[in-house]
Amino acid sequence: MADKPKPASEYKGEQLRLVRETCLYVATKLGDLMDEVVVVGGLAPSLLIDQSNLPEGTSAHVGRMDLDVGLKLALLDERRYRTLAERLRGANFMPDLTDDGRPTRQRWKMSGTAGVTVDFLIPPSGPEDQGGKLRDIESDFAAVIAPGLMCAFQDRRRVRIDGRTILGEKAAYGESEQIVGFYTMLEDNLEVPFKTEMLGVEVTVERIDLTDDERIIAVCSRGKARQRVPLLDLPLPSPSPAGADWIAALRRWARVER
């Protein structure tokens, strides 16, 4: 692994572009799981502040040589870290290697691309967790314990990022793409029809749909009557139908977005 530059003058705009392209690629692969992570570190200022419209005399952000990604503790509690790791592996990410060839479980790199690494961070889960130590997640996946990382989740902002990925593919990632992504996963995974109760009346949820203004709705029926209900407001039965975890994920995302 190459040493990082020390003075700002040694950071190049090309490196910032590569990290941004890697961030866009990771976002398109993680999809709904972006609600469980936060981008921190050196890339964040360039995502939050338009570097092409700075006040006169203000220097542009110098950039970063890696992508710092904070993980929510809930990923561990609900075992969604497995999905996150699987998606990254499917996108050709793997643990980076030290100069002497040892894998670094907390730092992954995409095979066959420029030298951009993804560093994983996680908040402490208890008083015994020491900052800077590794939190084991899987045999080849770990994160650096970072006290204060929860502040980044509490104060985070959603931004739209578009352009080309590290593979040269044209892509975009923002609220619109996230909603379409949720709809696709719900279509693939939510078991319909199922019955639920609304205002004391049993109805059948026949299917879900995506409106022209990008709202996900449930098409409900009772006899010949039909009603379209925002999926965020749909009461779920107990037990919930298979795939209802995607409704829960949509609701978590919507709470952050609102």
Protein backbone atom coordinates (compact mmCIF):
# COMPACT_ATOMS: atom_id res chain seq x y z
CA MET A 1 0.00 0.00 0.00
CA ALA A 2 1.44 3.36 -1.03
CA ASP A 3 2.11 6.03 1.61
CA LYS A 4 -0.38 8.88 1.73
CA PRO A 5 0.80 12.38 0.83
CA LYS A 6 1.41 14.66 3.80
CA PRO A 7 1.17 18.27 2.51
CA ALA A 8 -1.95 19.34 0.61
CA SER A 9 0.16 20.14 -2.46
CA GLU A 10 0.89 16.43 -2.93
CA TYR A 11 -2.79 15.50 -3.29
CA LYS A 12 -3.89 15.47 -6.92
CA GLY A 13 -7.31 16.21 -8.40
CA GLU A 14 -7.08 12.94 -10.32
CA GLN A 15 -7.04 10.98 -7.07
CA LEU A 16 -10.13 12.80 -5.78
CA ARG A 17 -11.90 11.93 -9.04
CA LEU A 18 -11.03 8.25 -8.64
CA VAL A 19 -12.29 8.18 -5.06
CA ARG A 20 -15.52 9.89 -6.09
CA GLU A 21 -15.98 7.37 -8.93
CA THR A 22 -15.38 4.54 -6.46
CA CYS A 23 -17.96 6.07 -4.10
CA LEU A 24 -20.56 6.18 -6.89
CA TYR A 25 -19.80 2.57 -7.83
CA VAL A 26 -20.12 1.40 -4.21
CA ALA A 27 -23.42 3.30 -3.84
CA THR A 28 -24.91 1.63 -6.92
CA LYS A 29 -23.88 -1.80 -5.60
CA LEU A 30 -25.03 -1.35 -2.00
CA GLY A 31 -28.37 0.18 -3.02
CA ASP A 32 -30.79 0.11 -0.08
CA LEU A 33 -27.93 -0.63 2.32
CA MET A 34 -26.63 2.92 1.84
CA ASP A 35 -29.07 3.77 4.64
CA GLU A 36 -26.81 1.71 6.93
CA VAL A 37 -23.57 3.49 6.06
CA VAL A 38 -22.18 7.02 5.97
CA VAL A 39 -19.30 8.44 3.93
CA VAL A 40 -16.87 10.28 6.18
CA GLY A 41 -13.28 11.45 5.94
CA GLY A 42 -11.60 13.32 3.14
CA LEU A 43 -14.19 12.81 0.41
CA ALA A 44 -17.10 14.22 2.43
CA PRO A 45 -16.33 17.96 1.95
CA SER A 46 -16.33 17.63 -1.84
CA LEU A 47 -19.71 15.84 -1.69
CA LEU A 48 -21.27 18.45 0.60
CA ILE A 49 -19.84 21.59 -1.04
CA ASP A 50 -19.93 22.32 -4.77
CA GLN A 51 -16.24 22.61 -5.61
CA SER A 52 -16.99 24.41 -8.89
CA ASN A 53 -18.80 27.28 -7.16
CA LEU A 54 -16.50 28.29 -4.32
CA PRO A 55 -16.14 31.90 -3.13
CA GLU A 56 -13.34 33.83 -4.80
CA GLY A 57 -9.99 33.10 -3.20
CA THR A 58 -11.15 29.79 -1.66
CA SER A 59 -9.04 26.78 -2.53
CA ALA A 60 -10.77 23.63 -3.71
CA HIS A 61 -10.76 20.63 -1.38
CA VAL A 62 -7.53 18.70 -1.90
CA GLY A 63 -9.15 15.30 -1.77
CA ARG A 64 -8.39 11.89 -0.41
CA MET A 65 -6.65 8.71 -1.48
CA ASP A 66 -9.24 6.36 0.02
CA LEU A 67 -12.96 6.10 0.71
CA ASP A 68 -13.91 6.04 4.41
CA VAL A 69 -17.23 4.26 5.05
CA GLY A 70 -18.86 4.20 8.49
CA LEU A 71 -21.08 1.22 9.34
CA LYS A 72 -24.13 1.29 11.59
CA LEU A 73 -24.07 -1.06 14.56
CA ALA A 74 -27.54 -2.22 13.46
CA LEU A 75 -25.85 -4.01 10.56
CA LEU A 76 -24.35 -6.40 13.12
CA ASP A 77 -27.49 -6.77 15.24
CA GLU A 78 -29.66 -7.68 12.26
CA ARG A 79 -26.93 -9.56 10.34
CA ARG A 80 -27.29 -7.33 7.29
CA TYR A 81 -23.49 -7.14 7.22
CA ARG A 82 -23.59 -10.44 5.35
CA THR A 83 -25.56 -8.85 2.53
CA LEU A 84 -23.23 -5.85 2.49
CA ALA A 85 -20.14 -8.04 2.30
CA GLU A 86 -21.70 -10.26 -0.38
CA ARG A 87 -22.53 -7.26 -2.56
CA LEU A 88 -19.01 -5.88 -2.24
CA ARG A 89 -17.48 -9.25 -3.09
CA GLY A 90 -19.84 -9.50 -6.04
CA ALA A 91 -18.51 -6.12 -7.19
CA ASN A 92 -14.93 -7.52 -7.12
CA PHE A 93 -13.89 -5.94 -3.83
CA MET A 94 -11.58 -7.92 -1.56
CA PRO A 95 -9.26 -7.23 1.37
CA ASP A 96 -6.28 -5.05 0.44
CA LEU A 97 -2.77 -6.32 1.13
CA THR A 98 0.01 -4.78 3.19
CA ASP A 99 3.44 -4.28 1.68
CA ASP A 100 4.47 -7.72 2.95
CA GLY A 101 1.39 -9.43 1.47
CA ARG A 102 -0.84 -9.73 4.54
CA PRO A 103 -4.59 -9.07 4.03
CA THR A 104 -6.11 -6.03 5.74
CA ARG A 105 -9.64 -7.01 6.72
CA GLN A 106 -10.67 -3.42 7.50
CA ARG A 107 -9.49 -2.07 4.15
CA TRP A 108 -10.81 -3.47 0.89
CA LYS A 109 -9.84 -2.74 -2.68
CA MET A 110 -11.48 -3.40 -6.02
CA SER A 111 -9.59 -5.93 -8.08
CA GLY A 112 -8.10 -4.68 -11.34
CA THR A 113 -8.66 -0.93 -10.81
CA ALA A 114 -6.64 2.10 -9.73
CA GLY A 115 -5.35 2.18 -6.17
CA VAL A 116 -8.49 3.39 -4.34
CA THR A 117 -9.21 1.56 -1.11
CA VAL A 118 -12.35 1.45 1.03
CA ASP A 119 -11.70 1.76 4.77
CA PHE A 120 -14.44 0.53 7.11
CA LEU A 121 -15.22 2.22 10.44
CA ILE A 122 -17.77 1.37 13.13
CA PRO A 123 -18.91 3.04 16.38
CA PRO A 124 -18.07 1.45 19.73
CA SER A 125 -20.73 -0.96 20.97
CA GLY A 126 -19.72 -0.71 24.63
CA PRO A 127 -17.26 0.87 27.06
CA GLU A 128 -14.78 -1.94 26.48
CA ASP A 129 -14.36 -1.03 22.79
CA GLN A 130 -11.19 1.01 22.25
CA GLY A 131 -10.84 3.52 19.42
CA GLY A 132 -8.45 2.35 16.72
CA LYS A 133 -8.93 -1.34 17.49
CA LEU A 134 -10.54 -3.71 15.00
CA ARG A 135 -14.08 -5.02 15.31
CA ASP A 136 -14.27 -8.47 13.73
CA ILE A 137 -17.32 -8.89 11.48
CA GLU A 138 -16.47 -11.88 9.25
CA SER A 139 -13.31 -13.90 8.75
CA ASP A 140 -12.09 -11.50 6.05
CA PHE A 141 -14.12 -8.42 7.05
CA ALA A 142 -13.48 -6.03 9.95
CA ALA A 143 -13.91 -2.36 10.82
CA VAL A 144 -11.89 0.13 12.82
CA ILE A 145 -13.65 1.24 16.01
CA ALA A 146 -14.17 5.00 15.70
CA PRO A 147 -15.53 6.86 18.75
CA GLY A 148 -17.79 9.70 17.66
CA LEU A 149 -18.86 8.04 14.42
CA MET A 150 -22.51 8.08 15.57
CA CYS A 151 -22.37 11.88 15.28
CA ALA A 152 -21.85 11.45 11.54
CA PHE A 153 -25.02 9.33 11.34
CA GLN A 154 -27.01 11.83 13.41
CA ASP A 155 -25.92 14.84 11.33
CA ARG A 156 -25.57 13.25 7.91
CA ARG A 157 -26.98 14.70 4.73
CA ARG A 158 -28.14 12.87 1.64
CA VAL A 159 -26.53 14.08 -1.57
CA ARG A 160 -26.96 13.12 -5.20
CA ILE A 161 -23.85 11.91 -6.98
CA ASP A 162 -23.65 11.20 -10.69
CA GLY A 163 -21.10 10.86 -13.44
CA ARG A 164 -18.95 7.84 -14.24
CA THR A 165 -17.99 5.02 -11.92
CA ILE A 166 -14.50 3.63 -11.45
CA LEU A 167 -15.32 1.25 -14.32
CA GLY A 168 -16.20 4.12 -16.66
CA GLU A 169 -19.94 3.37 -16.51
CA LYS A 170 -22.33 6.31 -16.51
CA ALA A 171 -24.41 6.22 -13.34
CA ALA A 172 -26.27 8.30 -10.80
CA TYR A 173 -27.28 7.75 -7.20
CA GLY A 174 -29.81 9.87 -5.36
CA GLU A 175 -33.32 9.73 -3.93
CA SER A 176 -34.95 8.80 -7.24
CA GLU A 177 -32.56 5.89 -7.85
CA GLN A 178 -33.03 4.70 -4.27
CA ILE A 179 -36.82 4.60 -4.59
CA VAL A 180 -36.64 2.68 -7.86
CA GLY A 181 -34.15 0.31 -6.20
CA PHE A 182 -36.53 -0.33 -3.30
CA TYR A 183 -39.39 -0.94 -5.73
CA THR A 184 -37.31 -3.46 -7.67
CA MET A 185 -36.35 -5.36 -4.51
CA LEU A 186 -39.95 -5.34 -3.28
CA GLU A 187 -41.20 -6.67 -6.60
CA ASP A 188 -38.63 -9.46 -6.46
CA ASN A 189 -39.00 -10.39 -2.80
CA LEU A 190 -42.38 -9.38 -1.33
CA GLU A 191 -44.81 -12.30 -1.38
CA VAL A 192 -48.18 -11.12 -2.68
CA PRO A 193 -51.09 -11.40 -2.38
CA PHE A 194 -51.46 -11.28 1.39
CA LYS A 195 -54.21 -10.18 3.74
CA THR A 196 -54.01 -7.38 6.26
CA GLU A 197 -56.41 -5.17 8.20
CA MET A 198 -57.13 -1.50 7.55
CA LEU A 199 -59.45 0.48 9.83
CA GLY A 200 -60.86 -2.76 11.20
CA VAL A 201 -61.59 -4.23 7.78
CA GLU A 202 -59.70 -7.12 6.20
CA VAL A 203 -58.29 -6.35 2.75
CA THR A 204 -56.08 -8.18 0.28
CA VAL A 205 -52.84 -6.62 -0.87
CA GLU A 206 -52.75 -7.73 -4.50
CA ARG A 207 -49.52 -6.09 -5.67
CA ILE A 208 -47.30 -3.07 -5.30
CA ASP A 209 -46.85 -0.34 -7.87
CA LEU A 210 -44.65 2.68 -8.56
CA THR A 211 -46.50 5.90 -9.37
CA ASP A 212 -45.42 8.50 -11.92
CA ASP A 213 -44.28 10.75 -9.07
CA GLU A 214 -42.13 7.91 -7.69
CA ARG A 215 -44.19 6.80 -4.72
CA ILE A 216 -44.43 3.09 -3.89
CA ILE A 217 -48.04 2.10 -3.25
CA ALA A 218 -49.92 -1.08 -2.37
CA VAL A 219 -52.96 -2.01 -4.46
CA CYS A 220 -55.55 -3.31 -1.97
CA SER A 221 -58.90 -4.91 -2.64
CA ARG A 222 -62.05 -5.95 -0.80
CA GLY A 223 -64.60 -7.55 -3.03
CA LYS A 224 -64.81 -5.41 -6.15
CA ALA A 225 -63.45 -2.29 -4.44
CA ARG A 226 -59.84 -1.24 -5.04
CA GLN A 227 -57.74 1.22 -3.11
CA ARG A 228 -54.16 2.43 -3.60
CA VAL A 229 -52.37 2.94 -0.27
CA PRO A 230 -48.88 4.39 0.23
CA LEU A 231 -46.70 1.46 1.25
CA LEU A 232 -45.24 3.55 4.07
CA ASP A 233 -48.74 3.72 5.63
CA LEU A 234 -49.81 0.12 5.04
CA PRO A 235 -50.49 -1.85 8.27
CA LEU A 236 -48.78 -5.23 8.16
CA PRO A 237 -50.27 -8.46 9.47
CA SER A 238 -48.62 -10.68 12.03
CA PRO A 239 -46.83 -12.73 10.97
CA SER A 240 -45.65 -10.54 8.11
CA PRO A 241 -45.44 -11.94 4.59
CA ALA A 242 -42.12 -13.10 3.18
CA GLY A 243 -40.08 -10.17 1.95
CA ALA A 244 -41.65 -7.68 4.40
CA ASP A 245 -38.15 -6.86 5.64
CA TRP A 246 -37.88 -4.71 2.48
CA ILE A 247 -40.90 -2.69 3.66
CA ALA A 248 -39.09 -2.22 6.98
CA ALA A 249 -35.95 -1.11 5.13
CA LEU A 250 -37.99 1.38 3.08
CA ARG A 251 -39.50 2.81 6.25
CA ARG A 252 -36.10 3.20 7.90
CA TRP A 253 -34.85 4.99 4.80
CA ALA A 254 -37.92 7.25 4.69
CA ARG A 255 -37.46 8.29 8.34
CA VAL A 256 -33.92 9.46 7.57
CA GLU A 257 -34.99 11.15 4.34
CA ARG A 258 -37.78 13.09 6.05
